[in-house]
């Protein structure tokens, strides 16, 4: 598919059959242009540097380097693509680690194909996406954390407070920048 108005996307997943199935879904959607696939995180990072995609859909659990490590490296290299983690893990620690590392979304692999594509379309427009099943987990995790003492916010600059407020509103890194 070569639609110039489409959002470019690369897929990073170490399971070939799964990756090819998702690739077919993406290719059938006029909103996306599949520009690359990688079977591991290191190749995914290299593709992202070479192709500068709008969106990266990346598995969490891969051999050698996991999705969070890859995401951290992508952000350290200045890659601003929307990164959506696509995984089977609904563990609180994985979700929070991905979001803290700069993920713009976190989706579960057992979702319906139509839901995946709808969430990817939202992510491509700068919105943070989260699998519906995970909202309760994240909400619970945030409520369990003790609030920051009011005096510590005064140590931040006005811009740092603005950024913190945008992060709390679940805005993506791209939108905040």
Protein backbone atom coordinates (compact mmCIF):
# COMPACT_ATOMS: atom_id res chain seq x y z
CA UNK A 1 0.00 0.00 0.00
CA UNK A 2 1.43 3.37 -0.95
CA UNK A 3 -0.89 6.02 0.41
CA UNK A 4 1.02 9.28 0.95
CA UNK A 5 -1.57 10.46 3.51
CA UNK A 6 -1.18 7.26 5.52
CA UNK A 7 0.77 7.04 8.76
CA UNK A 8 3.94 5.02 8.32
CA UNK A 9 4.32 2.09 10.69
CA UNK A 10 6.87 -0.59 11.53
CA UNK A 11 6.15 -3.83 13.38
CA UNK A 12 8.59 -5.35 15.86
CA UNK A 13 7.69 -8.85 17.08
CA UNK A 14 9.72 -12.03 17.35
CA UNK A 15 6.85 -14.34 16.31
CA UNK A 16 6.78 -14.45 12.48
CA UNK A 17 3.26 -15.81 12.11
CA UNK A 18 1.81 -13.23 14.49
CA UNK A 19 3.82 -10.41 12.89
CA UNK A 20 2.62 -11.40 9.40
CA UNK A 21 -1.00 -11.49 10.59
CA UNK A 22 -0.76 -8.00 12.07
CA UNK A 23 1.09 -6.82 8.93
CA UNK A 24 -1.88 -7.97 6.84
CA UNK A 25 -4.29 -6.02 9.05
CA UNK A 26 -2.14 -2.91 8.77
CA UNK A 27 -1.75 -3.23 5.00
CA UNK A 28 -5.53 -3.50 4.61
CA UNK A 29 -6.08 -0.22 6.47
CA UNK A 30 -5.94 2.90 4.29
CA UNK A 31 -4.76 4.95 7.29
CA UNK A 32 -1.42 3.13 7.45
CA UNK A 33 1.53 2.35 5.27
CA UNK A 34 3.59 -0.59 6.49
CA UNK A 35 7.21 0.41 5.86
CA UNK A 36 9.08 -2.25 7.79
CA UNK A 37 9.10 -5.33 10.00
CA UNK A 38 11.68 -6.56 12.47
CA UNK A 39 11.95 -9.87 14.29
CA UNK A 40 13.89 -8.45 17.25
CA UNK A 41 14.33 -5.22 19.16
CA UNK A 42 17.80 -4.36 17.86
CA UNK A 43 16.64 -4.62 14.23
CA UNK A 44 13.54 -2.63 15.16
CA UNK A 45 15.67 0.19 16.55
CA UNK A 46 17.80 0.18 13.41
CA UNK A 47 14.68 0.29 11.20
CA UNK A 48 13.27 3.17 13.23
CA UNK A 49 16.50 5.14 12.77
CA UNK A 50 16.59 4.44 9.02
CA UNK A 51 12.89 4.83 8.17
CA UNK A 52 11.65 7.38 10.73
CA UNK A 53 8.15 5.89 11.06
CA UNK A 54 5.16 7.67 12.52
CA UNK A 55 4.21 4.61 14.59
CA UNK A 56 6.08 1.62 16.02
CA UNK A 57 4.03 -1.37 17.18
CA UNK A 58 6.37 -3.41 19.40
CA UNK A 59 6.14 -6.63 21.37
CA UNK A 60 7.18 -6.49 25.02
CA UNK A 61 8.73 -9.92 25.53
CA UNK A 62 11.49 -10.59 23.01
CA UNK A 63 14.78 -12.44 23.32
CA UNK A 64 18.03 -10.52 23.91
CA UNK A 65 16.34 -7.13 24.36
CA UNK A 66 12.77 -6.60 25.55
CA UNK A 67 10.36 -3.91 24.40
CA UNK A 68 10.98 -1.63 27.38
CA UNK A 69 14.74 -1.71 26.86
CA UNK A 70 14.20 -1.03 23.16
CA UNK A 71 11.79 1.81 23.93
CA UNK A 72 14.29 3.35 26.34
CA UNK A 73 16.98 3.18 23.64
CA UNK A 74 14.64 4.65 21.00
CA UNK A 75 13.85 7.61 23.24
CA UNK A 76 17.53 8.08 24.13
CA UNK A 77 18.31 8.23 20.41
CA UNK A 78 15.70 10.95 19.95
CA UNK A 79 13.19 8.80 18.05
CA UNK A 80 9.86 10.57 18.44
CA UNK A 81 7.65 7.99 16.74
CA UNK A 82 4.51 6.94 18.55
CA UNK A 83 5.41 3.65 20.27
CA UNK A 84 2.64 1.24 21.17
CA UNK A 85 3.56 -1.84 23.18
CA UNK A 86 1.61 -4.90 21.96
CA UNK A 87 1.87 -7.85 24.31
CA UNK A 88 0.21 -10.66 26.22
CA UNK A 89 1.36 -9.25 29.58
CA UNK A 90 -1.27 -7.52 31.67
CA UNK A 91 1.03 -7.28 34.70
CA UNK A 92 0.94 -3.93 36.45
CA UNK A 93 4.74 -3.67 36.63
CA UNK A 94 5.08 -4.16 32.85
CA UNK A 95 2.38 -1.61 32.04
CA UNK A 96 3.82 1.02 34.36
CA UNK A 97 7.41 0.37 33.24
CA UNK A 98 6.39 0.79 29.59
CA UNK A 99 4.53 4.02 30.25
CA UNK A 100 7.39 5.41 32.34
CA UNK A 101 9.83 4.52 29.55
CA UNK A 102 7.83 6.64 27.12
CA UNK A 103 5.27 4.31 25.55
CA UNK A 104 2.33 6.07 23.93
CA UNK A 105 0.13 3.03 24.31
CA UNK A 106 -0.14 -0.46 25.72
CA UNK A 107 -2.40 -3.02 24.05
CA UNK A 108 -3.02 -6.70 24.65
CA UNK A 109 -2.62 -9.24 21.87
CA UNK A 110 -5.96 -10.88 22.59
CA UNK A 111 -7.86 -7.83 21.35
CA UNK A 112 -10.16 -7.92 18.35
CA UNK A 113 -8.52 -6.90 15.04
CA UNK A 114 -10.94 -3.97 14.63
CA UNK A 115 -10.08 -2.72 18.14
CA UNK A 116 -6.36 -2.92 17.41
CA UNK A 117 -6.71 -0.87 14.26
CA UNK A 118 -8.94 1.70 15.94
CA UNK A 119 -6.45 2.13 18.81
CA UNK A 120 -3.57 2.42 16.32
CA UNK A 121 -5.48 5.13 14.42
CA UNK A 122 -5.95 7.02 17.70
CA UNK A 123 -2.30 6.59 18.65
CA UNK A 124 -1.17 7.83 15.24
CA UNK A 125 -3.03 11.09 15.89
CA UNK A 126 -1.16 11.66 19.17
CA UNK A 127 -3.59 10.14 21.63
CA UNK A 128 -2.41 7.74 24.32
CA UNK A 129 -4.05 4.34 24.02
CA UNK A 130 -4.59 1.67 26.62
CA UNK A 131 -6.39 -1.63 26.33
CA UNK A 132 -9.78 -1.29 28.06
CA UNK A 133 -8.94 -4.20 30.35
CA UNK A 134 -5.88 -2.33 31.66
CA UNK A 135 -7.58 0.89 32.74
CA UNK A 136 -8.54 -0.58 36.13
CA UNK A 137 -5.02 -1.91 36.69
CA UNK A 138 -3.43 1.47 35.97
CA UNK A 139 -6.04 3.34 38.02
CA UNK A 140 -5.44 1.04 40.98
CA UNK A 141 -1.66 1.42 40.66
CA UNK A 142 -1.91 5.21 40.61
CA UNK A 143 -4.20 5.25 43.64
CA UNK A 144 -1.82 3.01 45.57
CA UNK A 145 1.08 5.43 45.12
CA UNK A 146 1.36 7.97 47.89
CA UNK A 147 0.85 11.54 46.73
CA UNK A 148 3.91 13.74 46.42
CA UNK A 149 4.17 16.21 49.30
CA UNK A 150 2.94 19.63 48.12
CA UNK A 151 6.24 21.34 48.91
CA UNK A 152 8.20 19.20 46.43
CA UNK A 153 6.24 20.59 43.45
CA UNK A 154 7.57 24.04 44.37
CA UNK A 155 11.06 22.79 43.53
CA UNK A 156 10.07 22.53 39.85
CA UNK A 157 10.20 25.28 37.26
CA UNK A 158 6.96 26.48 35.68
CA UNK A 159 7.72 24.48 32.51
CA UNK A 160 8.51 21.36 34.53
CA UNK A 161 5.15 21.73 36.33
CA UNK A 162 3.42 22.11 32.93
CA UNK A 163 5.11 18.95 31.66
CA UNK A 164 4.20 17.08 34.85
CA UNK A 165 0.56 18.15 34.47
CA UNK A 166 0.54 16.97 30.83
CA UNK A 167 2.08 13.63 31.85
CA UNK A 168 -0.58 13.24 34.54
CA UNK A 169 -3.19 13.86 31.84
CA UNK A 170 -1.68 10.88 29.89
CA UNK A 171 -0.50 13.02 27.00
CA UNK A 172 2.03 11.43 24.66
CA UNK A 173 5.65 12.56 24.48
CA UNK A 174 5.00 13.90 20.99
CA UNK A 175 2.09 16.06 22.18
CA UNK A 176 4.06 17.33 25.19
CA UNK A 177 7.03 18.28 23.00
